[in-house]
Structure formats: C-alpha cells, structure tokens
Amino acid sequence: MNKPLRPRAGRGTGPLSVAVIMTGGTIAKSYNPAEARLYNFEPKVKELIADLRIDDLELTYIDLLHLDSLEIRDADRDQIASAIISACKTHDAILVTHGTDSMADSGTVLCARMSEFPVPVVFTGAMVPYAIKGSDAVQNVTEALLALRLLPPGAYVVLHNRILTLPGVQKDHKSLTFQEN
C-alpha cells in the first residue's frame, strides 16, 4: 500500500515519526466506580488515537506520568522536558498530552531548557476527560496531530482550534481555553 509522504528538513521522507509523551491530566482520566472518582490510572490517549485514521504516522508511545497537572512538581517538569529533548533526537515531531492547569508551566520549563527546537513540539489536553461524553479530547488530539505536520520547529499549545506559541501562554479559567499572555 502506498502511503502519502511528507518531506521533512533533515529527516528525509516517509511516514511522520511522532513521539506521544503521556503525562496524565484530565484527558487521560478514567472513572473508578468502586470509589465514584476520576483517576489517572490508564493511558486513555492511546485508546483515543487508535480510533483515528492516521495511516501515515509512526507513533511511539511514552507513558511517562499518570498525574493530574495540579500534582506536577518541578522534578516532574524536568522529567517531562528531558523526555521531550530525548525524543526530539529520534522523531520528526512530539505530541505531549498534559493536564491543562499547569501545561503552560511545563512548556515554559521546556523552553528554558531548549534554546532551539529541531522539530515541532505540541502540548495538548482536554477540559473534559476522554472517557466522558462531550469531551474535547478527540478534537484537541486530532488538531494537535495535524498541527505537527504543518508547524515549523518550536513549542506550542494546541487546543480548541487554536495554536499558541510557548512560552507566553496561559489557561483562561473563565472561558476554559488557552490564550496568549
């Protein structure tokens, strides 16, 4: 079967190689009926992406953390940045799924550690868990995967039909989306 090819500077042609770094967050929460609570205990993002038609992507899943973004600390942000930096050496693009409450903070740490990006790095997440009806997770992940094909190297937040460049992004708790500072 012939697959569409996308030329990429310094990486040749062929399917787009994407590292999907999963850190938890609302997008990945599952319902535990025994406790009647939502938890980050399984990588729901993999399930979400499996339902998409993305034949010309080579995905590598990195199940890094299972944390609500309010629980992410400086050491966790360093771990996220290190995983992204490492994945940039072997992939054409990086998708980071992350909780929205501290996504901008993790992006800022990454930008402080990387002065130049060799590939596009996109952070995305959801305001409503993928497992809940009415979730924005599928929209955000689909848009993020498309953005990885189109964006130049750099760090971005992609949510709700918006592409925002990191750093300088913040969550707007009133409108439940992101905006530039």
N, C-alpha and C. Protein backbone atom coordinates (compact mmCIF):
# COMPACT_ATOMS: atom_id res chain seq x y z
N MET A 1 0.85 -1.18 0.00
CA MET A 1 0.00 0.00 0.00
C MET A 1 0.89 1.24 0.00
N ASN A 2 0.61 2.17 -0.89
CA ASN A 2 1.37 3.41 -0.93
C ASN A 2 0.86 4.36 0.13
N LYS A 3 1.78 4.94 0.87
CA LYS A 3 1.42 5.90 1.91
C LYS A 3 1.86 7.28 1.48
N PRO A 4 1.06 8.31 1.77
CA PRO A 4 1.49 9.67 1.44
C PRO A 4 2.79 9.99 2.18
N LEU A 5 3.69 10.66 1.50
CA LEU A 5 4.97 11.01 2.09
C LEU A 5 5.03 12.50 2.34
N ARG A 6 5.68 12.86 3.38
CA ARG A 6 5.86 14.26 3.74
C ARG A 6 7.34 14.54 3.88
N PRO A 7 7.92 15.38 3.00
CA PRO A 7 9.33 15.70 3.19
C PRO A 7 9.53 16.54 4.45
N ARG A 8 10.62 16.25 5.15
CA ARG A 8 10.93 17.00 6.37
C ARG A 8 12.40 17.34 6.35
N ALA A 9 12.71 18.57 6.67
CA ALA A 9 14.10 19.01 6.67
C ALA A 9 14.91 18.15 7.63
N GLY A 10 15.98 17.55 7.12
CA GLY A 10 16.89 16.79 7.96
C GLY A 10 16.40 15.41 8.34
N ARG A 11 15.20 15.03 7.96
CA ARG A 11 14.66 13.73 8.37
C ARG A 11 14.28 12.85 7.18
N GLY A 12 14.37 13.35 5.96
CA GLY A 12 14.02 12.54 4.80
C GLY A 12 12.53 12.50 4.57
N THR A 13 12.09 11.42 3.91
CA THR A 13 10.67 11.27 3.62
C THR A 13 10.18 9.97 4.24
N GLY A 14 8.89 9.78 4.23
CA GLY A 14 8.30 8.59 4.81
C GLY A 14 7.24 8.99 5.80
N PRO A 15 6.67 8.03 6.47
CA PRO A 15 5.65 8.37 7.47
C PRO A 15 6.23 9.31 8.54
N LEU A 16 5.40 10.19 9.03
CA LEU A 16 5.81 11.12 10.08
C LEU A 16 6.00 10.33 11.37
N SER A 17 7.18 10.41 11.94
CA SER A 17 7.51 9.71 13.19
C SER A 17 7.18 10.64 14.36
N VAL A 18 6.19 10.24 15.17
CA VAL A 18 5.71 11.07 16.27
C VAL A 18 5.88 10.34 17.60
N ALA A 19 6.54 11.00 18.53
CA ALA A 19 6.59 10.50 19.92
C ALA A 19 5.39 11.10 20.64
N VAL A 20 4.59 10.26 21.25
CA VAL A 20 3.43 10.71 22.04
C VAL A 20 3.82 10.51 23.51
N ILE A 21 4.10 11.62 24.18
CA ILE A 21 4.51 11.58 25.58
C ILE A 21 3.29 11.86 26.44
N MET A 22 2.88 10.86 27.20
CA MET A 22 1.66 10.96 28.02
C MET A 22 2.03 11.24 29.46
N THR A 23 1.47 12.31 30.01
CA THR A 23 1.80 12.71 31.39
C THR A 23 0.61 12.64 32.34
N GLY A 24 -0.55 12.27 31.83
CA GLY A 24 -1.75 12.23 32.67
C GLY A 24 -2.67 13.38 32.32
N GLY A 25 -3.23 14.03 33.31
CA GLY A 25 -4.13 15.14 33.08
C GLY A 25 -5.56 14.69 32.88
N THR A 26 -6.44 15.66 32.76
CA THR A 26 -7.87 15.38 32.59
C THR A 26 -8.13 14.50 31.37
N ILE A 27 -7.40 14.73 30.29
CA ILE A 27 -7.62 13.97 29.06
C ILE A 27 -7.54 12.46 29.31
N ALA A 28 -6.72 12.03 30.24
CA ALA A 28 -6.46 10.62 30.47
C ALA A 28 -7.21 10.04 31.67
N LYS A 29 -8.07 10.82 32.28
CA LYS A 29 -8.76 10.31 33.47
C LYS A 29 -9.81 9.26 33.12
N SER A 30 -9.90 8.28 33.99
CA SER A 30 -10.88 7.21 33.88
C SER A 30 -11.72 7.18 35.15
N TYR A 31 -12.91 6.67 35.02
CA TYR A 31 -13.82 6.60 36.16
C TYR A 31 -13.62 5.29 36.90
N ASN A 32 -13.45 5.40 38.23
CA ASN A 32 -13.34 4.23 39.09
C ASN A 32 -14.68 4.10 39.83
N PRO A 33 -15.54 3.18 39.40
CA PRO A 33 -16.87 3.07 40.01
C PRO A 33 -16.85 2.65 41.47
N ALA A 34 -15.82 1.93 41.89
CA ALA A 34 -15.73 1.50 43.28
C ALA A 34 -15.60 2.68 44.23
N GLU A 35 -14.97 3.76 43.74
CA GLU A 35 -14.77 4.94 44.59
C GLU A 35 -15.55 6.15 44.09
N ALA A 36 -16.24 5.99 42.95
CA ALA A 36 -17.02 7.07 42.34
C ALA A 36 -16.15 8.31 42.12
N ARG A 37 -14.92 8.08 41.59
CA ARG A 37 -13.98 9.19 41.34
C ARG A 37 -13.26 8.98 40.01
N LEU A 38 -12.77 10.08 39.47
CA LEU A 38 -11.94 10.05 38.27
C LEU A 38 -10.47 10.00 38.69
N TYR A 39 -9.69 9.14 38.03
CA TYR A 39 -8.28 9.00 38.33
C TYR A 39 -7.46 8.89 37.05
N ASN A 40 -6.17 9.16 37.16
CA ASN A 40 -5.22 8.93 36.08
C ASN A 40 -4.57 7.57 36.33
N PHE A 41 -5.21 6.50 35.89
CA PHE A 41 -4.61 5.20 36.14
C PHE A 41 -4.44 4.36 34.88
N GLU A 42 -4.79 4.88 33.72
CA GLU A 42 -4.53 4.16 32.48
C GLU A 42 -4.36 5.16 31.34
N PRO A 43 -3.54 4.82 30.37
CA PRO A 43 -3.27 5.76 29.27
C PRO A 43 -4.41 5.80 28.24
N LYS A 44 -5.42 6.56 28.50
CA LYS A 44 -6.58 6.68 27.62
C LYS A 44 -6.23 7.30 26.26
N VAL A 45 -5.15 8.05 26.19
CA VAL A 45 -4.78 8.72 24.95
C VAL A 45 -4.48 7.70 23.85
N LYS A 46 -3.87 6.61 24.21
CA LYS A 46 -3.57 5.55 23.25
C LYS A 46 -4.88 5.01 22.65
N GLU A 47 -5.87 4.82 23.48
CA GLU A 47 -7.19 4.36 23.04
C GLU A 47 -7.83 5.39 22.11
N LEU A 48 -7.73 6.65 22.47
CA LEU A 48 -8.30 7.74 21.66
C LEU A 48 -7.65 7.75 20.28
N ILE A 49 -6.33 7.70 20.21
CA ILE A 49 -5.62 7.77 18.94
C ILE A 49 -5.89 6.53 18.08
N ALA A 50 -6.10 5.38 18.71
CA ALA A 50 -6.37 4.14 17.96
C ALA A 50 -7.62 4.26 17.11
N ASP A 51 -8.55 5.12 17.50
CA ASP A 51 -9.79 5.30 16.75
C ASP A 51 -9.67 6.30 15.60
N LEU A 52 -8.51 6.96 15.46
CA LEU A 52 -8.31 7.95 14.40
C LEU A 52 -7.74 7.28 13.15
N ARG A 53 -8.01 7.87 12.02
CA ARG A 53 -7.45 7.37 10.76
C ARG A 53 -6.16 8.14 10.48
N ILE A 54 -5.04 7.52 10.84
CA ILE A 54 -3.73 8.18 10.73
C ILE A 54 -2.69 7.18 10.20
N ASP A 55 -2.99 6.61 9.04
CA ASP A 55 -2.16 5.55 8.47
C ASP A 55 -0.72 5.96 8.22
N ASP A 56 -0.46 7.24 7.98
CA ASP A 56 0.90 7.64 7.62
C ASP A 56 1.67 8.26 8.78
N LEU A 57 1.30 7.86 9.99
CA LEU A 57 2.06 8.27 11.18
C LEU A 57 2.68 7.02 11.81
N GLU A 58 3.91 7.16 12.25
CA GLU A 58 4.55 6.11 13.06
C GLU A 58 4.58 6.65 14.48
N LEU A 59 3.81 6.05 15.36
CA LEU A 59 3.68 6.55 16.72
C LEU A 59 4.50 5.72 17.68
N THR A 60 5.19 6.42 18.56
CA THR A 60 5.89 5.80 19.68
C THR A 60 5.27 6.38 20.94
N TYR A 61 4.67 5.52 21.75
CA TYR A 61 4.03 5.99 22.99
C TYR A 61 5.02 5.93 24.14
N ILE A 62 5.11 7.02 24.86
CA ILE A 62 5.95 7.09 26.06
C ILE A 62 5.02 7.41 27.23
N ASP A 63 4.71 6.40 28.02
CA ASP A 63 3.79 6.53 29.15
C ASP A 63 4.61 7.03 30.34
N LEU A 64 4.79 8.34 30.43
CA LEU A 64 5.73 8.94 31.36
C LEU A 64 5.17 9.11 32.78
N LEU A 65 4.03 9.75 32.89
CA LEU A 65 3.43 10.04 34.21
C LEU A 65 1.93 9.78 34.17
N HIS A 66 1.35 9.62 35.33
CA HIS A 66 -0.10 9.49 35.47
C HIS A 66 -0.55 10.50 36.52
N LEU A 67 -0.32 11.78 36.25
CA LEU A 67 -0.60 12.81 37.25
C LEU A 67 -1.61 13.83 36.76
N ASP A 68 -2.45 14.27 37.67
CA ASP A 68 -3.23 15.47 37.43
C ASP A 68 -2.23 16.61 37.37
N SER A 69 -2.43 17.57 36.50
CA SER A 69 -1.40 18.61 36.34
C SER A 69 -1.23 19.46 37.60
N LEU A 70 -2.21 19.48 38.47
CA LEU A 70 -2.05 20.21 39.74
C LEU A 70 -1.07 19.49 40.67
N GLU A 71 -0.81 18.21 40.40
CA GLU A 71 0.12 17.43 41.20
C GLU A 71 1.54 17.45 40.64
N ILE A 72 1.73 18.01 39.46
CA ILE A 72 3.05 18.02 38.83
C ILE A 72 3.96 19.03 39.53
N ARG A 73 5.13 18.57 39.90
CA ARG A 73 6.11 19.39 40.63
C ARG A 73 7.29 19.68 39.72
N ASP A 74 8.24 20.47 40.20
CA ASP A 74 9.41 20.86 39.41
C ASP A 74 10.18 19.65 38.90
N ALA A 75 10.36 18.65 39.73
CA ALA A 75 11.09 17.44 39.31
C ALA A 75 10.35 16.73 38.17
N ASP A 76 9.02 16.74 38.23
CA ASP A 76 8.22 16.13 37.16
C ASP A 76 8.37 16.93 35.86
N ARG A 77 8.38 18.25 35.96
CA ARG A 77 8.55 19.10 34.78
C ARG A 77 9.92 18.86 34.14
N ASP A 78 10.94 18.68 34.98
CA ASP A 78 12.27 18.36 34.46
C ASP A 78 12.25 17.01 33.75
N GLN A 79 11.52 16.05 34.31
CA GLN A 79 11.40 14.73 33.68
C GLN A 79 10.69 14.83 32.33
N ILE A 80 9.63 15.64 32.27
CA ILE A 80 8.90 15.85 31.02
C ILE A 80 9.83 16.49 29.99
N ALA A 81 10.53 17.56 30.38
CA ALA A 81 11.44 18.24 29.46
C ALA A 81 12.53 17.28 28.97
N SER A 82 13.09 16.48 29.86
CA SER A 82 14.13 15.53 29.46
C SER A 82 13.60 14.51 28.46
N ALA A 83 12.37 14.03 28.68
CA ALA A 83 11.77 13.07 27.75
C ALA A 83 11.55 13.70 26.38
N ILE A 84 11.14 14.95 26.35
CA ILE A 84 10.93 15.65 25.08
C ILE A 84 12.26 15.86 24.36
N ILE A 85 13.25 16.32 25.09
CA ILE A 85 14.58 16.56 24.50
C ILE A 85 15.13 15.27 23.90
N SER A 86 14.98 14.17 24.61
CA SER A 86 15.45 12.88 24.12
C SER A 86 14.67 12.45 22.87
N ALA A 87 13.36 12.60 22.90
CA ALA A 87 12.52 12.19 21.76
C ALA A 87 12.79 13.04 20.53
N CYS A 88 13.18 14.29 20.71
CA CYS A 88 13.50 15.16 19.56
C CYS A 88 14.66 14.62 18.74
N LYS A 89 15.50 13.81 19.33
CA LYS A 89 16.66 13.25 18.64
C LYS A 89 16.29 12.11 17.69
N THR A 90 15.13 11.50 17.90
CA THR A 90 14.78 10.31 17.14
C THR A 90 13.43 10.39 16.43
N HIS A 91 12.71 11.49 16.57
CA HIS A 91 11.37 11.63 15.99
C HIS A 91 11.24 12.92 15.20
N ASP A 92 10.29 12.93 14.28
CA ASP A 92 10.01 14.11 13.45
C ASP A 92 9.17 15.14 14.17
N ALA A 93 8.43 14.71 15.17
CA ALA A 93 7.53 15.61 15.90
C ALA A 93 7.20 14.97 17.24
N ILE A 94 6.80 15.84 18.20
CA ILE A 94 6.48 15.38 19.55
C ILE A 94 5.10 15.88 19.94
N LEU A 95 4.25 14.98 20.42
CA LEU A 95 2.95 15.33 20.98
C LEU A 95 3.01 15.02 22.47
N VAL A 96 2.71 16.02 23.30
CA VAL A 96 2.70 15.86 24.75
C VAL A 96 1.27 16.04 25.22
N THR A 97 0.71 14.98 25.82
CA THR A 97 -0.61 15.14 26.43
C THR A 97 -0.38 15.46 27.91
N HIS A 98 -1.08 16.48 28.36
CA HIS A 98 -0.77 17.08 29.67
C HIS A 98 -2.04 17.70 30.23
N GLY A 99 -2.15 17.74 31.54
CA GLY A 99 -3.25 18.43 32.17
C GLY A 99 -3.18 19.92 31.89
N THR A 100 -4.34 20.54 31.79
CA THR A 100 -4.39 21.94 31.36
C THR A 100 -4.02 22.94 32.44
N ASP A 101 -4.16 22.58 33.71
CA ASP A 101 -3.91 23.56 34.77
C ASP A 101 -2.45 24.00 34.86
N SER A 102 -1.52 23.12 34.51
CA SER A 102 -0.11 23.52 34.57
C SER A 102 0.64 23.24 33.27
N MET A 103 -0.09 23.06 32.19
CA MET A 103 0.52 22.80 30.89
C MET A 103 1.49 23.92 30.50
N ALA A 104 1.06 25.16 30.68
CA ALA A 104 1.91 26.31 30.31
C ALA A 104 3.19 26.32 31.13
N ASP A 105 3.11 25.91 32.39
CA ASP A 105 4.31 25.86 33.24
C ASP A 105 5.32 24.84 32.71
N SER A 106 4.84 23.67 32.32
CA SER A 106 5.74 22.64 31.77
C SER A 106 6.33 23.11 30.44
N GLY A 107 5.54 23.78 29.64
CA GLY A 107 6.04 24.33 28.38
C GLY A 107 7.10 25.38 28.60
N THR A 108 6.92 26.20 29.61
CA THR A 108 7.91 27.23 29.93
C THR A 108 9.23 26.61 30.38
N VAL A 109 9.16 25.56 31.20
CA VAL A 109 10.37 24.85 31.63
C VAL A 109 11.09 24.27 30.41
N LEU A 110 10.33 23.66 29.50
CA LEU A 110 10.94 23.10 28.30
C LEU A 110 11.63 24.19 27.50
N CYS A 111 10.99 25.32 27.30
CA CYS A 111 11.57 26.42 26.52
C CYS A 111 12.83 26.97 27.19
N ALA A 112 12.88 26.96 28.51
CA ALA A 112 14.08 27.42 29.22
C ALA A 112 15.24 26.45 29.01
N ARG A 113 14.92 25.18 28.82
CA ARG A 113 15.98 24.16 28.64
C ARG A 113 16.40 23.99 27.19
N MET A 114 15.55 24.37 26.24
CA MET A 114 15.87 24.23 24.82
C MET A 114 15.87 25.59 24.16
N SER A 115 17.01 26.04 23.70
CA SER A 115 17.05 27.34 23.03
C SER A 115 16.58 27.22 21.59
N GLU A 116 16.81 26.06 20.97
CA GLU A 116 16.35 25.82 19.60
C GLU A 116 15.68 24.45 19.55
N PHE A 117 14.60 24.39 18.81
CA PHE A 117 13.86 23.14 18.67
C PHE A 117 14.13 22.55 17.29
N PRO A 118 14.53 21.28 17.23
CA PRO A 118 14.77 20.66 15.92
C PRO A 118 13.49 20.18 15.23
N VAL A 119 12.41 20.04 16.00
CA VAL A 119 11.13 19.53 15.50
C VAL A 119 10.00 20.29 16.20
N PRO A 120 8.78 20.22 15.66
CA PRO A 120 7.65 20.80 16.40
C PRO A 120 7.29 19.94 17.61
N VAL A 121 7.02 20.64 18.72
CA VAL A 121 6.58 20.00 19.96
C VAL A 121 5.24 20.63 20.32
N VAL A 122 4.20 19.82 20.41
CA VAL A 122 2.86 20.32 20.68
C VAL A 122 2.34 19.72 21.98
N PHE A 123 1.91 20.60 22.88
CA PHE A 123 1.23 20.21 24.11
C PHE A 123 -0.27 20.30 23.84
N THR A 124 -1.02 19.30 24.28
CA THR A 124 -2.47 19.35 24.20
C THR A 124 -3.05 18.60 25.38
N GLY A 125 -4.33 18.75 25.58
CA GLY A 125 -5.02 18.09 26.68
C GLY A 125 -6.52 18.26 26.47
N ALA A 126 -7.26 18.23 27.56
CA ALA A 126 -8.71 18.36 27.47
C ALA A 126 -9.26 18.97 28.75
N MET A 127 -10.34 19.67 28.62
CA MET A 127 -11.04 20.22 29.78
C MET A 127 -12.00 19.18 30.38
N VAL A 128 -12.41 18.21 29.55
CA VAL A 128 -13.32 17.14 29.97
C VAL A 128 -12.64 15.82 29.60
N PRO A 129 -12.59 14.84 30.53
CA PRO A 129 -11.92 13.57 30.24
C PRO A 129 -12.44 12.89 28.97
N TYR A 130 -11.55 12.22 28.26
CA TYR A 130 -11.92 11.46 27.06
C TYR A 130 -13.04 10.47 27.37
N ALA A 131 -13.02 9.89 28.54
CA ALA A 131 -13.99 8.87 28.92
C ALA A 131 -15.40 9.43 29.18
N ILE A 132 -15.56 10.75 29.19
CA ILE A 132 -16.84 11.39 29.49
C ILE A 132 -17.46 11.95 28.21
N LYS A 133 -18.75 11.72 28.03
CA LYS A 133 -19.46 12.25 26.87
C LYS A 133 -19.32 13.77 26.82
N GLY A 134 -19.08 14.29 25.64
CA GLY A 134 -18.93 15.73 25.47
C GLY A 134 -17.49 16.20 25.64
N SER A 135 -16.55 15.26 25.73
CA SER A 135 -15.14 15.61 25.90
C SER A 135 -14.61 16.35 24.67
N ASP A 136 -13.68 17.24 24.91
CA ASP A 136 -12.97 17.93 23.84
C ASP A 136 -11.67 17.21 23.47
N ALA A 137 -11.43 16.05 24.03
CA ALA A 137 -10.17 15.33 23.83
C ALA A 137 -9.92 14.94 22.38
N VAL A 138 -10.90 14.37 21.70
CA VAL A 138 -10.71 13.92 20.32
C VAL A 138 -10.40 15.13 19.42
N GLN A 139 -11.14 16.21 19.59
CA GLN A 139 -10.88 17.41 18.80
C GLN A 139 -9.45 17.90 19.02
N ASN A 140 -9.05 18.00 20.27
CA ASN A 140 -7.73 18.56 20.58
C ASN A 140 -6.59 17.68 20.09
N VAL A 141 -6.70 16.38 20.26
CA VAL A 141 -5.64 15.47 19.80
C VAL A 141 -5.59 15.46 18.28
N THR A 142 -6.74 15.43 17.62
CA THR A 142 -6.76 15.46 16.15
C THR A 142 -6.12 16.73 15.62
N GLU A 143 -6.49 17.87 16.20
CA GLU A 143 -5.90 19.14 15.77
C GLU A 143 -4.40 19.18 16.06
N ALA A 144 -3.98 18.62 17.18
CA ALA A 144 -2.56 18.61 17.53
C ALA A 144 -1.76 17.77 16.54
N LEU A 145 -2.29 16.60 16.16
CA LEU A 145 -1.59 15.75 15.21
C LEU A 145 -1.48 16.44 13.84
N LEU A 146 -2.52 17.13 13.43
CA LEU A 146 -2.44 17.88 12.17
C LEU A 146 -1.44 19.03 12.29
N ALA A 147 -1.46 19.73 13.41
CA ALA A 147 -0.54 20.85 13.62
C ALA A 147 0.91 20.38 13.55
N LEU A 148 1.20 19.18 14.03
CA LEU A 148 2.57 18.65 13.97
C LEU A 148 3.08 18.55 12.54
N ARG A 149 2.20 18.34 11.59
CA ARG A 149 2.57 18.26 10.18
C ARG A 149 2.86 19.64 9.59
N LEU A 150 2.21 20.65 10.11
CA LEU A 150 2.23 21.96 9.49
C LEU A 150 3.15 22.98 10.14
N LEU A 151 3.42 22.81 11.42
CA LEU A 151 4.18 23.80 12.17
C LEU A 151 5.68 23.66 11.96
N PRO A 152 6.38 24.78 11.99
CA PRO A 152 7.85 24.71 11.99
C PRO A 152 8.33 24.27 13.36
N PRO A 153 9.60 23.91 13.48
CA PRO A 153 10.13 23.54 14.79
C PRO A 153 9.87 24.64 15.82
N GLY A 154 9.48 24.23 17.02
CA GLY A 154 9.15 25.15 18.10
C GLY A 154 8.28 24.44 19.11
N ALA A 155 7.82 25.18 20.11
CA ALA A 155 6.96 24.63 21.15
C ALA A 155 5.62 25.36 21.12
N TYR A 156 4.54 24.58 21.19
CA TYR A 156 3.20 25.13 21.02
C TYR A 156 2.20 24.48 21.97
N VAL A 157 1.10 25.18 22.20
CA VAL A 157 -0.09 24.60 22.81
C VAL A 157 -1.16 24.62 21.72
N VAL A 158 -1.80 23.46 21.50
CA VAL A 158 -2.87 23.35 20.52
C VAL A 158 -4.10 22.84 21.24
N LEU A 159 -5.11 23.67 21.34
CA LEU A 159 -6.39 23.33 21.95
C LEU A 159 -7.47 24.20 21.33
N HIS A 160 -8.64 23.61 21.15
CA HIS A 160 -9.84 24.35 20.75
C HIS A 160 -9.64 25.20 19.51
N ASN A 161 -9.05 24.58 18.48
CA ASN A 161 -8.87 25.24 17.19
C ASN A 161 -7.92 26.43 17.26
N ARG A 162 -6.98 26.38 18.21
CA ARG A 162 -6.00 27.45 18.37
C ARG A 162 -4.60 26.86 18.44
N ILE A 163 -3.65 27.59 17.88
CA ILE A 163 -2.24 27.26 18.01
C ILE A 163 -1.58 28.45 18.68
N LEU A 164 -1.02 28.22 19.86
CA LEU A 164 -0.36 29.28 20.62
C LEU A 164 1.10 28.89 20.83
N THR A 165 1.99 29.85 20.69
CA THR A 165 3.42 29.61 20.81
C THR A 165 3.87 29.75 22.26
N LEU A 166 4.63 28.76 22.71
CA LEU A 166 5.23 28.78 24.06
C LEU A 166 6.58 29.48 24.01
N PRO A 167 7.02 30.09 25.10
CA PRO A 167 6.25 30.43 26.30
C PRO A 167 5.31 31.60 26.02
N GLY A 168 4.60 32.04 27.03
CA GLY A 168 3.70 33.18 26.88
C GLY A 168 2.25 32.77 26.68
N VAL A 169 1.89 31.61 27.22
CA VAL A 169 0.53 31.09 27.10
C VAL A 169 -0.02 30.86 28.50
N GLN A 170 -1.31 31.06 28.67
CA GLN A 170 -1.93 30.78 29.96
C GLN A 170 -3.34 30.24 29.77
N LYS A 171 -3.77 29.46 30.76
CA LYS A 171 -5.13 28.94 30.76
C LYS A 171 -6.06 30.05 31.22
N ASP A 172 -7.14 30.23 30.49
CA ASP A 172 -8.19 31.18 30.88
C ASP A 172 -9.26 30.35 31.59
N HIS A 173 -9.29 30.44 32.91
CA HIS A 173 -10.20 29.61 33.70
C HIS A 173 -11.67 30.00 33.50
N LYS A 174 -11.91 31.20 33.05
CA LYS A 174 -13.27 31.65 32.82
C LYS A 174 -13.86 31.03 31.55
N SER A 175 -13.09 31.09 30.45
CA SER A 175 -13.58 30.58 29.18
C SER A 175 -13.18 29.11 28.96
N LEU A 176 -12.36 28.55 29.86
CA LEU A 176 -11.89 27.17 29.77
C LEU A 176 -11.20 26.86 28.44
N THR A 177 -10.28 27.74 28.10
CA THR A 177 -9.41 27.52 26.95
C THR A 177 -8.09 28.23 27.23
N PHE A 178 -7.24 28.34 26.22
CA PHE A 178 -5.94 28.99 26.41
C PHE A 178 -5.87 30.28 25.61
N GLN A 179 -5.02 31.17 26.08
CA GLN A 179 -4.78 32.43 25.39
C GLN A 179 -3.33 32.83 25.59
N GLU A 180 -2.87 33.76 24.76
CA GLU A 180 -1.53 34.29 24.93
C GLU A 180 -1.54 35.28 26.06
N ASN A 181 -0.42 35.36 26.80
CA ASN A 181 -0.31 36.33 27.90
C ASN A 181 -0.38 37.74 27.37
